[in-house]
Amino acid sequence: MLTYDSFNTNIGLLTVVKSERGVCFIGLPSATMSRVQIWANRRFPGEALHPASAPFGRERQELQEYTSGGRTIFTFSLDHRNTPFSLQVLEEVCRVPYGETASYADIARRVARPHAARAVGRAVAANPLPLVIPCHRIVGSNGSLTGFGGGLNLKQELLLLESHGA
C-alpha cells in the first residue's frame, strides 16, 4: 500500500509518498495530486494511494530542515525503483556535494558513458525523489540552469539556499 502526506515547507507544499520500503516519491510544489496519482499508477500498478493516517514525522522534519537551510543529508529510507542505468545515474547525482553543481556531461563521464549526456538528462528528469536525490545540482555544460520538475526559479532558489549553507 502507498500512503502520502502533504505539508508546507519554506519552498511550498511537498507531497511525500511512501511504500512499505520507504519514500518513493516527493512531489514538489508544482506537482498536483493527479500527477502524483499518475506516477503511482505507473510505478506501482494495482497499488492504491491513500492519505497517511498520521503525518510522516521524520520525513517532514528532515525536508523542512533542508528547505530552511539546516540539513544537508537525509536519513529516512528510500524506495527508488528504476532501470539499472537510471539508478546508476541517480546514485552519481547523489555524490554531487551540497552547495556544488555538476553538468549532465560530468555525470555521463562518471557513469562511464561519456556520450550519453542526453540519456543522463532523461534519467535526471525522471527522478522521483527530488531534494533527496539532488537533481537541482545538475546544470548545463556551460553552467546554465536547465530543466527541473519544480521549475527553474525553484532550482535557482535551491542552489542559492545551498550556496549560503555550504
Foldseek 3Di string as FASTA:
>chain_A
DKEWDWDAAPQGIWIWIADPQWTAAIRGRVDDVVNVVVVCCVVPPPDDYYYDPDHPVQVVVQVNCLRVLNDFAHDTGYDYDDDPVLVLLLVVLQVQGQLAAEELQRSCVVSVNNVCSVVSVVSLQPRRDDPNSPSLRYDHPVRHGDDDPNDSVVSVSSSVSRNVND
